[in-house]
């Protein structure tokens, strides 16, 4: 029997992250809700263009093809649209062959309160207010930034590559708080002193842990069939370097998880690594690190912790 939703890795996505809603949003801003509803109804059979998160979601859902007896992942739609205006969204989902069947349509209200109801380990949206509210409420959410990374036309979807910052994303912001309050030497001293003390989980810790569980399924598949090709690769890309690296490793070991690739950059520009790894999505808590040259990498801001205190406090 396929996994129940309580056991699945669930990602919630808004229509604004999954599709390009710029045209219809302009109608809403210029002419109001009634005109927006009429516009969506008139164009309900015209598929929406692909949004920033589309390649990531497409490849994420394709993981179920690797494990058809388990179906371990699911995507749910959390939308500010009404069910009526959401008809075009679901017709677009069907047009692209995305296996998304669960949804919540909130008729203008933010859907963030329903993240735990759907057991979601991430809510991905292009609405900054929704992300701020979700993070403030302790829910895992990320802001999908504008990007050119929407062209993924492979019919046979291949590998999914996901990259994470560590502090303020996978782990809490304890170490970052020390760095912000002092200097690099104080940060290194603090982390070396606490190298054997695991960090508390950050907003995307559950997502990272469940991705590690999926990779265990792939490990088992590889044991059964040495020719099996992995579908999921994870990377941690952090500004830390030695000796502050040890606490990162100890934290992951204490959780029983690991990344396929870990980069300790010592303050180097992260894009130098990301441009080689080419993730389908990258999560970081600092907007300054979310630069991708020509915009070919989907970047997601996690506005959590001290690095975003002024953002969260408004």
Foldseek 3Di string as FASTA:
>chain_A
DADDLLQAAEEEEELQAFFPCPVLVVCCVPPNDVSSLVVLVVCLQPATHGHLCNLVQVLQQCLCVVVVVHSRYAYEYEYCAAPSSCSSVVNNCVVVPRPYDHYDHNPRDQRLVCCVVSPHLEYEYQDPVSLLVNVVVLAHYWHWDHFPAGDDPDPNDAAAEEEEEPYQAQFDPPLVVQCVVDHPVSSQVVLVVCLLPAGHGHSNNVVQLVVQVSVVVVVVVCVVPVVDDDRYAYEYEYCADPPSCSSVVNNQVVVVGDGPYYHHNVRPQRLVVCVVSVHQEYEDQAPVNQDNPNRNHTYIHNVDDDNNVVVSVD
